Amino acid sequence: MPTEITLKHAPQQTEFLAQRDQLAAVRTTLAEHESELADLRAQLKSFEGRYLRQVGILYADLDDLEARIAEREVDLYDSESARQRAAETRQRATETHEAAFGEAHEAPEFDPPPTLKSLFRDVAKRIHPDFARDPGEQAHFTRLMARANEAYTRGDIHTLQRILDDHHEITAVADEGPAAELLRINRQIDHALRDIATLDLERTNLLTSEIAQLHLDAAAAKLEGRDLLAELATNLREQVAEAQRRFDLIDRQIKGFGK
């Protein structure tokens, strides 16, 4: 670890210590926001999984039946409007099926392109915790490396490049004097504040999503002793049964015409 930078003038030393404390504070805030966002993502993903298993598959069944009804109506009416409606309902059924069952498909083997591999290696060579100059920077590099690993598994070149660019900007000052160190600290503060704002925006977007609102509604229903997902599933089963009756009816009509 490097020795403490000694400043000749008290005002400069005071500013340096204050900025260093601010950097530690914003990094702590950044870590807290990252943790909160990770928890929110996990909660919503878990709830979405339950929703898809209990409700989403029933929506898929219902939309498939509506598409089959529309397709049989083409045989019955043989009109352009009937064909257009059949195409639209089948498209919607396909989308609903993908939403309900898409995650159940086997994920393809992760095969990152050479450019992603090279960028990740470049990032890792510069922000590995072993290269940190003090315990605070080591903790920051550990969190940054975790973010880089996550970006790599997502194939997120943009995030990896931003991490690398940030590192280059912070270390671009060649001098090792107090002024240069202060400049580096200020740049790190700016980057941390920017990352906090980015995380807060993602959190806001997640909280205003449809699945988040449904999660809140389910939590409110639970306080009343109700199971919202079970209620939705019961209602959908009734709609599926009604759609099946309509399909059977039109199917009999068409077969009665010998089609």
Protein backbone atom coordinates (compact mmCIF):
# COMPACT_ATOMS: atom_id res chain seq x y z
CA MET A 1 0.00 0.00 0.00
CA PRO A 2 1.36 3.50 -0.79
CA THR A 3 2.24 5.89 1.96
CA GLU A 4 -0.11 8.71 2.87
CA ILE A 5 0.27 11.76 0.64
CA THR A 6 1.61 14.67 2.66
CA LEU A 7 0.47 18.16 1.66
CA LYS A 8 2.52 21.21 2.54
CA HIS A 9 -0.36 23.59 3.08
CA ALA A 10 -3.14 23.00 5.59
CA PRO A 11 -5.97 24.16 3.26
CA GLN A 12 -4.81 21.71 0.58
CA GLN A 13 -4.57 18.91 3.11
CA THR A 14 -8.04 19.73 4.43
CA GLU A 15 -9.48 19.62 0.90
CA PHE A 16 -7.72 16.35 0.15
CA LEU A 17 -9.02 14.66 3.31
CA ALA A 18 -12.52 16.01 2.73
CA GLN A 19 -12.61 14.70 -0.85
CA ARG A 20 -11.23 11.35 0.23
CA ASP A 21 -13.99 11.10 2.86
CA GLN A 22 -16.56 12.06 0.24
CA LEU A 23 -15.26 9.35 -2.08
CA ALA A 24 -15.61 6.77 0.67
CA ALA A 25 -19.14 8.00 1.38
CA VAL A 26 -20.34 7.90 -2.23
CA ARG A 27 -18.80 4.46 -2.72
CA THR A 28 -20.70 3.25 0.33
CA THR A 29 -23.90 4.76 -1.09
CA LEU A 30 -23.19 3.14 -4.45
CA ALA A 31 -22.74 -0.26 -2.79
CA GLU A 32 -26.02 0.19 -0.90
CA HIS A 33 -27.90 1.13 -4.06
CA GLU A 34 -26.42 -1.82 -5.94
CA SER A 35 -27.50 -4.16 -3.13
CA GLU A 36 -31.02 -2.68 -3.00
CA LEU A 37 -31.41 -2.97 -6.77
CA ALA A 38 -30.16 -6.57 -6.73
CA ASP A 39 -32.72 -7.41 -4.04
CA LEU A 40 -35.50 -5.75 -6.04
CA ARG A 41 -34.52 -7.61 -9.20
CA ALA A 42 -34.52 -10.90 -7.28
CA GLN A 43 -37.92 -10.22 -5.69
CA LEU A 44 -39.57 -9.31 -8.98
CA LYS A 45 -37.96 -12.23 -10.82
CA SER A 46 -39.19 -14.66 -8.17
CA PHE A 47 -42.70 -13.18 -8.28
CA GLU A 48 -42.73 -13.17 -12.07
CA GLY A 49 -41.83 -16.86 -12.03
CA ARG A 50 -44.78 -17.62 -9.75
CA TYR A 51 -47.04 -15.46 -11.92
CA LEU A 52 -46.02 -17.29 -15.10
CA ARG A 53 -46.50 -20.71 -13.50
CA GLN A 54 -49.91 -19.90 -12.00
CA VAL A 55 -51.37 -17.34 -14.40
CA GLY A 56 -49.22 -16.93 -17.49
CA ILE A 57 -49.75 -20.48 -18.72
CA LEU A 58 -53.52 -19.98 -18.47
CA TYR A 59 -53.31 -16.79 -20.53
CA ALA A 60 -51.37 -18.84 -23.09
CA ASP A 61 -54.12 -21.48 -23.14
CA LEU A 62 -56.82 -18.83 -23.48
CA ASP A 63 -55.11 -16.96 -26.31
CA ASP A 64 -54.44 -20.23 -28.13
CA LEU A 65 -58.12 -21.12 -27.94
CA GLU A 66 -59.11 -17.66 -29.17
CA ALA A 67 -56.72 -18.08 -32.11
CA ARG A 68 -58.15 -21.52 -32.92
CA ILE A 69 -61.67 -20.06 -32.82
CA ALA A 70 -60.67 -17.23 -35.16
CA GLU A 71 -59.01 -19.71 -37.51
CA ARG A 72 -62.18 -21.85 -37.60
CA GLU A 73 -64.23 -18.72 -38.31
CA VAL A 74 -62.20 -18.31 -41.51
CA ASP A 75 -63.56 -21.68 -42.63
CA LEU A 76 -67.05 -20.57 -41.65
CA TYR A 77 -67.17 -17.05 -43.11
CA ASP A 78 -64.31 -17.04 -45.67
CA SER A 79 -63.83 -13.27 -45.51
CA GLU A 80 -60.79 -11.00 -45.52
CA SER A 81 -61.73 -9.56 -42.13
CA ALA A 82 -61.96 -13.09 -40.66
CA ARG A 83 -58.53 -13.96 -42.07
CA GLN A 84 -57.02 -10.77 -40.67
CA ARG A 85 -58.51 -11.42 -37.24
CA ALA A 86 -57.20 -14.99 -37.32
CA ALA A 87 -53.69 -13.77 -38.12
CA GLU A 88 -53.80 -11.16 -35.34
CA THR A 89 -55.08 -13.55 -32.68
CA ARG A 90 -52.52 -16.20 -33.65
CA GLN A 91 -49.73 -13.64 -33.37
CA ARG A 92 -50.96 -12.65 -29.92
CA ALA A 93 -51.17 -16.31 -28.91
CA THR A 94 -47.60 -16.88 -30.06
CA GLU A 95 -46.36 -13.91 -28.04
CA THR A 96 -48.26 -15.04 -24.94
CA HIS A 97 -46.89 -18.55 -25.27
CA GLU A 98 -43.32 -17.24 -25.54
CA ALA A 99 -43.84 -15.04 -22.47
CA ALA A 100 -45.23 -17.95 -20.44
CA PHE A 101 -42.89 -20.70 -21.56
CA GLY A 102 -39.85 -18.89 -22.93
CA GLU A 103 -37.85 -19.15 -19.69
CA ALA A 104 -38.55 -22.87 -19.55
CA HIS A 105 -36.61 -23.41 -22.79
CA GLU A 106 -33.08 -24.60 -22.37
CA ALA A 107 -30.75 -21.64 -22.42
CA PRO A 108 -28.22 -21.71 -25.24
CA GLU A 109 -24.63 -22.36 -24.31
CA PHE A 110 -22.83 -19.11 -23.56
CA ASP A 111 -20.31 -18.50 -26.34
CA PRO A 112 -18.96 -14.94 -26.02
CA PRO A 113 -17.48 -13.38 -29.16
CA PRO A 114 -13.72 -12.68 -29.22
CA THR A 115 -14.29 -8.91 -28.86
CA LEU A 116 -16.20 -9.45 -25.60
CA LYS A 117 -13.55 -11.82 -24.25
CA SER A 118 -10.77 -9.38 -25.09
CA LEU A 119 -12.58 -6.43 -23.51
CA PHE A 120 -13.32 -8.38 -20.34
CA ARG A 121 -9.67 -9.43 -20.01
CA ASP A 122 -8.63 -5.81 -20.46
CA VAL A 123 -11.03 -4.70 -17.75
CA ALA A 124 -9.96 -7.45 -15.35
CA LYS A 125 -6.29 -6.56 -15.76
CA ARG A 126 -7.01 -3.04 -14.52
CA ILE A 127 -9.67 -3.35 -11.82
CA HIS A 128 -8.81 -6.62 -10.15
CA PRO A 129 -8.92 -6.13 -6.34
CA ASP A 130 -5.31 -7.28 -6.07
CA PHE A 131 -4.27 -4.07 -7.83
CA ALA A 132 -5.94 -1.77 -5.28
CA ARG A 133 -3.82 0.77 -3.42
CA ASP A 134 -5.78 0.81 -0.16
CA PRO A 135 -8.61 -1.12 1.57
CA GLY A 136 -11.25 1.34 0.35
CA GLU A 137 -10.19 0.95 -3.26
CA GLN A 138 -9.96 -2.82 -2.81
CA ALA A 139 -13.58 -2.97 -1.68
CA HIS A 140 -14.58 -0.75 -4.61
CA PHE A 141 -12.65 -2.89 -7.11
CA THR A 142 -14.30 -6.02 -5.69
CA ARG A 143 -17.76 -4.57 -6.36
CA LEU A 144 -16.65 -3.25 -9.75
CA MET A 145 -15.28 -6.65 -10.72
CA ALA A 146 -18.61 -8.25 -9.76
CA ARG A 147 -20.37 -5.74 -12.02
CA ALA A 148 -17.93 -6.57 -14.84
CA ASN A 149 -18.55 -10.30 -14.40
CA GLU A 150 -22.30 -9.75 -14.59
CA ALA A 151 -21.93 -7.60 -17.70
CA TYR A 152 -19.75 -10.27 -19.30
CA THR A 153 -22.31 -13.03 -18.74
CA ARG A 154 -24.99 -10.76 -20.26
CA GLY A 155 -22.78 -9.94 -23.24
CA ASP A 156 -23.04 -6.28 -22.24
CA ILE A 157 -20.14 -4.69 -24.11
CA HIS A 158 -21.38 -1.16 -23.35
CA THR A 159 -21.05 -1.57 -19.57
CA LEU A 160 -17.62 -3.22 -19.85
CA GLN A 161 -16.38 -0.44 -22.10
CA ARG A 162 -17.69 2.20 -19.70
CA ILE A 163 -15.86 0.56 -16.79
CA LEU A 164 -12.66 0.53 -18.82
CA ASP A 165 -13.10 4.14 -19.98
CA ASP A 166 -13.70 5.25 -16.40
CA HIS A 167 -10.48 3.58 -15.30
CA HIS A 168 -8.52 5.22 -18.12
CA GLU A 169 -9.93 8.65 -17.26
CA ILE A 170 -9.10 8.28 -13.57
CA THR A 171 -5.53 7.14 -14.23
CA ALA A 172 -4.89 9.49 -17.15
CA VAL A 173 -3.03 11.99 -14.95
CA ALA A 174 0.66 11.11 -15.16
CA ASP A 175 1.80 13.17 -12.19
CA GLU A 176 1.91 11.60 -8.73
CA GLY A 177 1.71 14.80 -6.75
CA PRO A 178 -1.08 15.94 -4.44
CA ALA A 179 -2.91 17.88 -7.17
CA ALA A 180 -2.97 14.84 -9.44
CA GLU A 181 -4.24 12.61 -6.63
CA LEU A 182 -6.97 15.11 -5.83
CA LEU A 183 -8.01 15.18 -9.48
CA ARG A 184 -8.22 11.38 -9.54
CA ILE A 185 -10.38 11.36 -6.43
CA ASN A 186 -12.73 13.96 -7.90
CA ARG A 187 -13.10 11.91 -11.07
CA GLN A 188 -13.89 8.81 -9.03
CA ILE A 189 -16.53 10.76 -7.11
CA ASP A 190 -18.10 11.93 -10.39
CA HIS A 191 -18.21 8.39 -11.76
CA ALA A 192 -19.71 6.99 -8.56
CA LEU A 193 -22.41 9.68 -8.54
CA ARG A 194 -23.18 8.92 -12.17
CA ASP A 195 -23.48 5.20 -11.41
CA ILE A 196 -25.79 5.94 -8.47
CA ALA A 197 -28.04 7.98 -10.77
CA THR A 198 -28.06 5.12 -13.32
CA LEU A 199 -29.02 2.59 -10.64
CA ASP A 200 -31.76 4.88 -9.33
CA LEU A 201 -33.21 5.25 -12.82
CA GLU A 202 -33.28 1.48 -13.28
CA ARG A 203 -34.93 1.08 -9.88
CA THR A 204 -37.59 3.63 -10.81
CA ASN A 205 -38.26 1.84 -14.10
CA LEU A 206 -38.57 -1.49 -12.31
CA LEU A 207 -40.94 -0.09 -9.69
CA THR A 208 -43.22 1.37 -12.38
CA SER A 209 -43.32 -1.84 -14.45
CA GLU A 210 -46.48 -3.94 -14.74
CA ILE A 211 -44.97 -6.87 -12.84
CA ALA A 212 -43.95 -4.56 -9.97
CA GLN A 213 -47.47 -3.14 -9.74
CA LEU A 214 -48.92 -6.63 -9.73
CA HIS A 215 -46.43 -7.57 -7.02
CA LEU A 216 -47.68 -4.65 -4.91
CA ASP A 217 -51.31 -5.63 -5.54
CA ALA A 218 -50.55 -9.21 -4.51
CA ALA A 219 -48.87 -7.99 -1.32
CA ALA A 220 -51.88 -5.80 -0.49
CA ALA A 221 -54.25 -8.70 -1.14
CA LYS A 222 -52.19 -10.94 1.14
CA LEU A 223 -52.72 -8.49 3.99
CA GLU A 224 -56.45 -9.02 3.46
CA GLY A 225 -56.04 -12.79 3.57
CA ARG A 226 -56.41 -13.18 -0.20
CA ASP A 227 -54.24 -14.88 -2.81
CA LEU A 228 -54.36 -12.60 -5.85
CA LEU A 229 -52.60 -15.02 -8.19
CA ALA A 230 -54.97 -17.82 -7.22
CA GLU A 231 -57.94 -15.51 -7.87
CA LEU A 232 -56.59 -14.58 -11.30
CA ALA A 233 -55.99 -18.24 -12.10
CA THR A 234 -59.55 -19.20 -11.11
CA ASN A 235 -61.00 -16.44 -13.29
CA LEU A 236 -58.82 -17.49 -16.23
CA ARG A 237 -59.82 -21.15 -15.91
CA GLU A 238 -63.44 -20.06 -16.25
CA GLN A 239 -62.56 -18.03 -19.36
CA VAL A 240 -60.65 -20.98 -20.81
CA ALA A 241 -63.65 -23.27 -20.22
CA GLU A 242 -65.95 -20.75 -21.92
CA ALA A 243 -63.59 -20.40 -24.86
CA GLN A 244 -63.43 -24.18 -25.18
CA ARG A 245 -67.24 -24.29 -25.36
CA ARG A 246 -67.24 -21.64 -28.09
CA PHE A 247 -64.60 -23.56 -30.03
CA ASP A 248 -66.55 -26.81 -29.75
CA LEU A 249 -69.71 -25.03 -30.94
CA ILE A 250 -68.15 -23.48 -34.03
CA ASP A 251 -66.32 -26.72 -34.76
CA ARG A 252 -69.63 -28.59 -34.78
CA GLN A 253 -71.15 -25.93 -37.02
CA ILE A 254 -68.36 -26.22 -39.55
CA LYS A 255 -68.44 -30.01 -39.53
CA GLY A 256 -72.20 -29.78 -40.07
CA PHE A 257 -71.47 -27.96 -43.30
CA GLY A 258 -69.09 -30.73 -44.27
CA LYS A 259 -65.95 -28.64 -43.91
